[in-house]
Amino acid sequence: MRHGKKFNHLGRKTAHRSAMLSNMASSLIMHKRINTTVAKAKALKKYIEPILTKSKTDDTNSRRVVFSYLQDKESVTELFNTVAEKIASRPGGYTRIIKTGARLGDNAEMCMMELVDFNELLLGDETAGKAKTRRSRRGGASKAKAETPKAEAAEEVVNEEVVEEAKAEEVVEAEVVEETEATEEAPEVNAEDAEEKSEDQDSEEESKK
């Protein structure tokens, strides 16, 4: 009987279960991510997190303890040489479980389990988000410095608009002056034509006489 035992047996005997978790832990350390069921991933998370914490102290005792769990020299070497350097500044939570849907056949809930510090895409997004949401109490001077260029740019835009309006007014005034000059010249032309006509009429009358 279970008698309140909360860990998942995964339908296996103790030896089978420990061997399976050991192999899965070695695969996760070597490949940095594996695809498995959610139940196995949750059991593996409890199994591998203490091992990753133990790898932060690189001494003979730690290597022997880790080897007793993994039973694989290559994964132990990879853990202490590569993984331990990446997780040195992280105080736990070394793995991430991402659900990927149901498996065809038995409809088991599947997921991808990975080491957090080896996913470069998500690490880049997190650093960008942290840079954007950073707050400090000394932001008054920086805000003033940031606002002064904006004010200068706004003044430049206003000055440009004023200059454009002045140019438009000058163009309108020039057009009005041209129209007035044209209207003044028109009567003079008509007067000259009238004088020429009158002279022609006088010459015709004299010729008739």
C-alpha atoms as a PDB file:
ATOM      1  CA  MET A   1       0.000   0.000   0.000  1.00  0.00           C
ATOM      2  CA  ARG A   2       1.079   3.575  -0.668  1.00  0.00           C
ATOM      3  CA  HIS A   3       0.331   4.936   2.829  1.00  0.00           C
ATOM      4  CA  GLY A   4       0.644   8.618   1.887  1.00  0.00           C
ATOM      5  CA  LYS A   5       3.700   8.294  -0.352  1.00  0.00           C
ATOM      6  CA  LYS A   6       3.444  11.287  -2.690  1.00  0.00           C
ATOM      7  CA  PHE A   7       6.125  10.529  -5.300  1.00  0.00           C
ATOM      8  CA  ASN A   8       5.113   8.993  -8.613  1.00  0.00           C
ATOM      9  CA  HIS A   9       6.170   5.359  -9.079  1.00  0.00           C
ATOM     10  CA  LEU A  10       5.685   5.732 -12.868  1.00  0.00           C
ATOM     11  CA  GLY A  11       4.396   2.140 -13.018  1.00  0.00           C
ATOM     12  CA  ARG A  12       7.868   0.664 -12.346  1.00  0.00           C
ATOM     13  CA  LYS A  13       9.770  -1.099  -9.607  1.00  0.00           C
ATOM     14  CA  THR A  14      12.365   0.846  -7.615  1.00  0.00           C
ATOM     15  CA  ALA A  15      15.398  -0.389  -9.563  1.00  0.00           C
ATOM     16  CA  HIS A  16      13.726   0.216 -12.931  1.00  0.00           C
ATOM     17  CA  ARG A  17      12.576   3.671 -11.888  1.00  0.00           C
ATOM     18  CA  SER A  18      16.002   4.769 -10.596  1.00  0.00           C
ATOM     19  CA  ALA A  19      17.761   3.430 -13.713  1.00  0.00           C
ATOM     20  CA  MET A  20      15.320   5.278 -15.975  1.00  0.00           C
ATOM     21  CA  LEU A  21      15.745   8.567 -14.106  1.00  0.00           C
ATOM     22  CA  SER A  22      19.533   8.163 -14.177  1.00  0.00           C
ATOM     23  CA  ASN A  23      19.513   7.673 -17.952  1.00  0.00           C
ATOM     24  CA  MET A  24      17.141  10.619 -18.460  1.00  0.00           C
ATOM     25  CA  ALA A  25      19.330  12.853 -16.279  1.00  0.00           C
ATOM     26  CA  SER A  26      22.422  11.913 -18.293  1.00  0.00           C
ATOM     27  CA  SER A  27      20.586  12.621 -21.557  1.00  0.00           C
ATOM     28  CA  LEU A  28      19.423  16.017 -20.285  1.00  0.00           C
ATOM     29  CA  ILE A  29      22.957  16.968 -19.240  1.00  0.00           C
ATOM     30  CA  MET A  30      24.482  15.863 -22.554  1.00  0.00           C
ATOM     31  CA  HIS A  31      21.804  17.254 -24.930  1.00  0.00           C
ATOM     32  CA  LYS A  32      20.501  20.156 -22.768  1.00  0.00           C
ATOM     33  CA  ARG A  33      16.848  19.290 -23.636  1.00  0.00           C
ATOM     34  CA  ILE A  34      14.745  16.147 -23.991  1.00  0.00           C
ATOM     35  CA  ASN A  35      11.173  15.293 -24.997  1.00  0.00           C
ATOM     36  CA  THR A  36       9.219  13.125 -22.569  1.00  0.00           C
ATOM     37  CA  THR A  37       5.903  12.856 -20.735  1.00  0.00           C
ATOM     38  CA  VAL A  38       4.928  15.438 -18.133  1.00  0.00           C
ATOM     39  CA  ALA A  39       4.837  12.798 -15.355  1.00  0.00           C
ATOM     40  CA  LYS A  40       8.400  11.664 -16.097  1.00  0.00           C
ATOM     41  CA  ALA A  41       9.594  15.263 -16.426  1.00  0.00           C
ATOM     42  CA  LYS A  42       8.222  16.175 -12.994  1.00  0.00           C
ATOM     43  CA  ALA A  43       9.880  13.125 -11.446  1.00  0.00           C
ATOM     44  CA  LEU A  44      13.154  13.936 -13.243  1.00  0.00           C
ATOM     45  CA  LYS A  45      13.037  17.529 -11.995  1.00  0.00           C
ATOM     46  CA  LYS A  46      13.118  16.333  -8.378  1.00  0.00           C
ATOM     47  CA  TYR A  47      15.889  13.882  -9.243  1.00  0.00           C
ATOM     48  CA  ILE A  48      18.267  16.166 -11.166  1.00  0.00           C
ATOM     49  CA  GLU A  49      17.977  19.485  -9.320  1.00  0.00           C
ATOM     50  CA  PRO A  50      20.022  18.293  -6.271  1.00  0.00           C
ATOM     51  CA  ILE A  51      22.618  16.821  -8.651  1.00  0.00           C
ATOM     52  CA  LEU A  52      23.008  20.184 -10.429  1.00  0.00           C
ATOM     53  CA  THR A  53      23.365  21.953  -7.084  1.00  0.00           C
ATOM     54  CA  LYS A  54      26.023  19.437  -6.024  1.00  0.00           C
ATOM     55  CA  SER A  55      28.027  20.143  -9.195  1.00  0.00           C
ATOM     56  CA  LYS A  56      28.654  23.762  -8.141  1.00  0.00           C
ATOM     57  CA  THR A  57      31.407  22.584  -5.764  1.00  0.00           C
ATOM     58  CA  ASP A  58      33.989  20.883  -7.962  1.00  0.00           C
ATOM     59  CA  ASP A  59      35.851  18.465  -5.668  1.00  0.00           C
ATOM     60  CA  THR A  60      36.414  14.743  -5.492  1.00  0.00           C
ATOM     61  CA  ASN A  61      33.572  14.070  -3.078  1.00  0.00           C
ATOM     62  CA  SER A  62      31.035  15.929  -5.236  1.00  0.00           C
ATOM     63  CA  ARG A  63      32.137  14.057  -8.350  1.00  0.00           C
ATOM     64  CA  ARG A  64      31.802  10.699  -6.590  1.00  0.00           C
ATOM     65  CA  VAL A  65      28.331  11.529  -5.252  1.00  0.00           C
ATOM     66  CA  VAL A  66      27.150  12.709  -8.693  1.00  0.00           C
ATOM     67  CA  PHE A  67      28.623   9.606 -10.368  1.00  0.00           C
ATOM     68  CA  SER A  68      26.693   7.397  -7.940  1.00  0.00           C
ATOM     69  CA  TYR A  69      23.480   8.878  -9.350  1.00  0.00           C
ATOM     70  CA  LEU A  70      24.362   9.198 -13.042  1.00  0.00           C
ATOM     71  CA  GLN A  71      26.636   6.155 -13.546  1.00  0.00           C
ATOM     72  CA  ASP A  72      28.125   7.792 -16.669  1.00  0.00           C
ATOM     73  CA  LYS A  73      31.620   9.319 -16.858  1.00  0.00           C
ATOM     74  CA  GLU A  74      30.903  11.456 -19.943  1.00  0.00           C
ATOM     75  CA  SER A  75      27.824  13.114 -18.433  1.00  0.00           C
ATOM     76  CA  VAL A  76      29.697  13.745 -15.160  1.00  0.00           C
ATOM     77  CA  THR A  77      32.532  15.432 -17.082  1.00  0.00           C
ATOM     78  CA  GLU A  78      30.069  17.526 -19.106  1.00  0.00           C
ATOM     79  CA  LEU A  79      28.223  18.491 -15.928  1.00  0.00           C
ATOM     80  CA  PHE A  80      31.269  19.718 -14.023  1.00  0.00           C
ATOM     81  CA  ASN A  81      33.067  21.328 -16.989  1.00  0.00           C
ATOM     82  CA  THR A  82      30.246  23.027 -18.959  1.00  0.00           C
ATOM     83  CA  VAL A  83      26.939  23.026 -17.091  1.00  0.00           C
ATOM     84  CA  ALA A  84      28.343  24.003 -13.691  1.00  0.00           C
ATOM     85  CA  GLU A  85      29.844  27.205 -15.140  1.00  0.00           C
ATOM     86  CA  LYS A  86      26.495  28.264 -16.618  1.00  0.00           C
ATOM     87  CA  ILE A  87      24.420  27.614 -13.498  1.00  0.00           C
ATOM     88  CA  ALA A  88      26.966  29.009 -11.014  1.00  0.00           C
ATOM     89  CA  SER A  89      25.006  32.232 -10.417  1.00  0.00           C
ATOM     90  CA  ARG A  90      21.519  30.649 -10.372  1.00  0.00           C
ATOM     91  CA  PRO A  91      20.131  29.761  -6.918  1.00  0.00           C
ATOM     92  CA  GLY A  92      17.942  26.850  -8.048  1.00  0.00           C
ATOM     93  CA  GLY A  93      15.326  26.342 -10.737  1.00  0.00           C
ATOM     94  CA  TYR A  94      17.793  24.973 -13.294  1.00  0.00           C
ATOM     95  CA  THR A  95      15.225  23.230 -15.508  1.00  0.00           C
ATOM     96  CA  ARG A  96      12.116  24.281 -17.417  1.00  0.00           C
ATOM     97  CA  ILE A  97       9.123  22.152 -18.510  1.00  0.00           C
ATOM     98  CA  ILE A  98       7.256  23.281 -21.651  1.00  0.00           C
ATOM     99  CA  LYS A  99       4.121  21.316 -22.549  1.00  0.00           C
ATOM    100  CA  THR A 100       3.852  20.300 -26.197  1.00  0.00           C
ATOM    101  CA  GLY A 101       0.430  18.621 -26.361  1.00  0.00           C
ATOM    102  CA  ALA A 102      -0.886  15.062 -26.320  1.00  0.00           C
ATOM    103  CA  ARG A 103       0.858  12.040 -27.806  1.00  0.00           C
ATOM    104  CA  LEU A 104      -0.873  10.113 -30.589  1.00  0.00           C
ATOM    105  CA  GLY A 105      -1.891   6.635 -29.537  1.00  0.00           C
ATOM    106  CA  ASP A 106      -2.286   6.791 -25.772  1.00  0.00           C
ATOM    107  CA  ASN A 107      -3.017  10.566 -25.519  1.00  0.00           C
ATOM    108  CA  ALA A 108      -0.279  11.017 -22.909  1.00  0.00           C
ATOM    109  CA  GLU A 109       0.565  14.631 -22.067  1.00  0.00           C
ATOM    110  CA  MET A 110       3.963  15.401 -23.615  1.00  0.00           C
ATOM    111  CA  CYS A 111       6.487  18.140 -22.842  1.00  0.00           C
ATOM    112  CA  MET A 112       9.985  19.379 -23.562  1.00  0.00           C
ATOM    113  CA  MET A 113      12.323  19.617 -20.589  1.00  0.00           C
ATOM    114  CA  GLU A 114      15.427  21.796 -20.905  1.00  0.00           C
ATOM    115  CA  LEU A 115      18.159  23.482 -18.911  1.00  0.00           C
ATOM    116  CA  VAL A 116      17.221  27.129 -18.430  1.00  0.00           C
ATOM    117  CA  ASP A 117      20.685  28.613 -18.953  1.00  0.00           C
ATOM    118  CA  PHE A 118      21.186  26.964 -22.349  1.00  0.00           C
ATOM    119  CA  ASN A 119      18.182  28.503 -24.147  1.00  0.00           C
ATOM    120  CA  GLU A 120      19.768  31.591 -25.720  1.00  0.00           C
ATOM    121  CA  LEU A 121      16.529  32.927 -27.254  1.00  0.00           C
ATOM    122  CA  LEU A 122      14.611  33.116 -23.971  1.00  0.00           C
ATOM    123  CA  LEU A 123      17.663  34.464 -22.161  1.00  0.00           C
ATOM    124  CA  GLY A 124      17.881  37.311 -24.698  1.00  0.00           C
ATOM    125  CA  ASP A 125      14.201  38.166 -24.238  1.00  0.00           C
ATOM    126  CA  GLU A 126      14.556  38.167 -20.437  1.00  0.00           C
ATOM    127  CA  THR A 127      17.568  40.509 -20.511  1.00  0.00           C
ATOM    128  CA  ALA A 128      15.742  42.883 -22.868  1.00  0.00           C
ATOM    129  CA  GLY A 129      12.665  42.884 -20.622  1.00  0.00           C
ATOM    130  CA  LYS A 130      14.780  43.583 -17.542  1.00  0.00           C
ATOM    131  CA  ALA A 131      16.519  46.473 -19.253  1.00  0.00           C
ATOM    132  CA  LYS A 132      13.175  48.033 -20.178  1.00  0.00           C
ATOM    133  CA  THR A 133      11.522  47.659 -16.740  1.00  0.00           C
ATOM    134  CA  ARG A 134      14.455  48.917 -14.692  1.00  0.00           C
ATOM    135  CA  ARG A 135      13.600  51.653 -12.181  1.00  0.00           C
ATOM    136  CA  SER A 136      15.743  53.840  -9.952  1.00  0.00           C
ATOM    137  CA  ARG A 137      15.155  56.746  -7.595  1.00  0.00           C
ATOM    138  CA  ARG A 138      17.857  58.805  -9.237  1.00  0.00           C
ATOM    139  CA  GLY A 139      15.965  59.125 -12.474  1.00  0.00           C
ATOM    140  CA  GLY A 140      15.185  62.863 -12.137  1.00  0.00           C
ATOM    141  CA  ALA A 141      18.351  64.095 -13.820  1.00  0.00           C
ATOM    142  CA  SER A 142      18.193  61.466 -16.526  1.00  0.00           C
ATOM    143  CA  LYS A 143      14.537  62.323 -17.213  1.00  0.00           C
ATOM    144  CA  ALA A 144      15.397  66.024 -17.472  1.00  0.00           C
ATOM    145  CA  LYS A 145      18.219  65.203 -19.886  1.00  0.00           C
ATOM    146  CA  ALA A 146      15.882  63.047 -21.903  1.00  0.00           C
ATOM    147  CA  GLU A 147      13.178  65.729 -21.963  1.00  0.00           C
ATOM    148  CA  THR A 148      15.469  68.593 -23.097  1.00  0.00           C
ATOM    149  CA  PRO A 149      16.174  67.078 -26.548  1.00  0.00           C
ATOM    150  CA  LYS A 150      12.433  66.517 -26.971  1.00  0.00           C
ATOM    151  CA  ALA A 151      11.718  70.174 -26.114  1.00  0.00           C
ATOM    152  CA  GLU A 152      14.417  71.341 -28.514  1.00  0.00           C
ATOM    153  CA  ALA A 153      13.005  69.165 -31.260  1.00  0.00           C
ATOM    154  CA  ALA A 154       9.506  70.564 -30.624  1.00  0.00           C
ATOM    155  CA  GLU A 155      10.842  74.139 -30.809  1.00  0.00           C
ATOM    156  CA  GLU A 156      12.587  73.363 -34.082  1.00  0.00           C
ATOM    157  CA  VAL A 157       9.363  71.984 -35.513  1.00  0.00           C
ATOM    158  CA  VAL A 158       7.456  75.124 -34.421  1.00  0.00           C
ATOM    159  CA  ASN A 159      10.148  77.394 -35.922  1.00  0.00           C
ATOM    160  CA  GLU A 160       9.992  75.474 -39.197  1.00  0.00           C
ATOM    161  CA  GLU A 161       6.211  75.882 -39.294  1.00  0.00           C
ATOM    162  CA  VAL A 162       6.532  79.648 -38.669  1.00  0.00           C
ATOM    163  CA  VAL A 163       9.101  79.960 -41.474  1.00  0.00           C
ATOM    164  CA  GLU A 164       6.857  78.035 -43.858  1.00  0.00           C
ATOM    165  CA  GLU A 165       3.892  80.281 -42.983  1.00  0.00           C
ATOM    166  CA  ALA A 166       6.011  83.413 -43.595  1.00  0.00           C
ATOM    167  CA  LYS A 167       7.101  82.060 -46.978  1.00  0.00           C
ATOM    168  CA  ALA A 168       3.495  81.337 -47.891  1.00  0.00           C
ATOM    169  CA  GLU A 169       2.496  84.903 -46.938  1.00  0.00           C
ATOM    170  CA  GLU A 170       5.332  86.315 -49.065  1.00  0.00           C
ATOM    171  CA  VAL A 171       4.160  84.256 -52.035  1.00  0.00           C
ATOM    172  CA  VAL A 172       0.599  85.520 -51.584  1.00  0.00           C
ATOM    173  CA  GLU A 173       1.786  89.138 -51.351  1.00  0.00           C
ATOM    174  CA  ALA A 174       3.873  88.717 -54.517  1.00  0.00           C
ATOM    175  CA  GLU A 175       0.837  87.373 -56.377  1.00  0.00           C
ATOM    176  CA  VAL A 176      -1.285  90.322 -55.179  1.00  0.00           C
ATOM    177  CA  VAL A 177       1.387  92.802 -56.336  1.00  0.00           C
ATOM    178  CA  GLU A 178       1.545  91.159 -59.759  1.00  0.00           C
ATOM    179  CA  GLU A 179      -2.245  91.351 -60.112  1.00  0.00           C
ATOM    180  CA  THR A 180      -2.324  95.026 -59.150  1.00  0.00           C
ATOM    181  CA  GLU A 181       0.461  95.823 -61.609  1.00  0.00           C
ATOM    182  CA  ALA A 182      -1.424  93.992 -64.334  1.00  0.00           C
ATOM    183  CA  THR A 183      -4.624  95.916 -63.610  1.00  0.00           C
ATOM    184  CA  GLU A 184      -2.736  99.252 -63.635  1.00  0.00           C
ATOM    185  CA  GLU A 185      -1.092  98.491 -66.977  1.00  0.00           C
ATOM    186  CA  ALA A 186      -4.378  97.433 -68.580  1.00  0.00           C
ATOM    187  CA  PRO A 187      -6.034 100.934 -68.569  1.00  0.00           C
ATOM    188  CA  GLU A 188      -2.853 102.543 -69.958  1.00  0.00           C
ATOM    189  CA  VAL A 189      -2.912 100.112 -72.818  1.00  0.00           C
ATOM    190  CA  ASN A 190      -6.565 100.913 -73.464  1.00  0.00           C
ATOM    191  CA  ALA A 191      -5.863 104.676 -73.415  1.00  0.00           C
ATOM    192  CA  GLU A 192      -3.034 104.280 -75.895  1.00  0.00           C
ATOM    193  CA  ASP A 193      -5.305 102.260 -78.165  1.00  0.00           C
ATOM    194  CA  ALA A 194      -7.968 104.947 -77.966  1.00  0.00           C
ATOM    195  CA  GLU A 195      -5.447 107.653 -78.847  1.00  0.00           C
ATOM    196  CA  GLU A 196      -4.214 105.614 -81.803  1.00  0.00           C
ATOM    197  CA  LYS A 197      -7.792 105.084 -82.977  1.00  0.00           C
ATOM    198  CA  SER A 198      -8.608 108.773 -82.693  1.00  0.00           C
ATOM    199  CA  GLU A 199      -5.456 109.678 -84.663  1.00  0.00           C
ATOM    200  CA  ASP A 200      -6.409 107.198 -87.366  1.00  0.00           C
ATOM    201  CA  GLN A 201      -9.887 108.658 -87.595  1.00  0.00           C
ATOM    202  CA  ASP A 202      -8.469 112.211 -87.909  1.00  0.00           C
ATOM    203  CA  SER A 203      -6.101 111.112 -90.650  1.00  0.00           C
ATOM    204  CA  GLU A 204      -8.946 109.442 -92.536  1.00  0.00           C
ATOM    205  CA  GLU A 205     -11.109 112.577 -92.298  1.00  0.00           C
ATOM    206  CA  GLU A 206      -8.261 114.760 -93.592  1.00  0.00           C
ATOM    207  CA  SER A 207      -7.707 112.395 -96.491  1.00  0.00           C
ATOM    208  CA  LYS A 208     -11.401 112.528 -97.391  1.00  0.00           C
ATOM    209  CA  LYS A 209     -11.303 116.309 -97.392  1.00  0.00           C
END
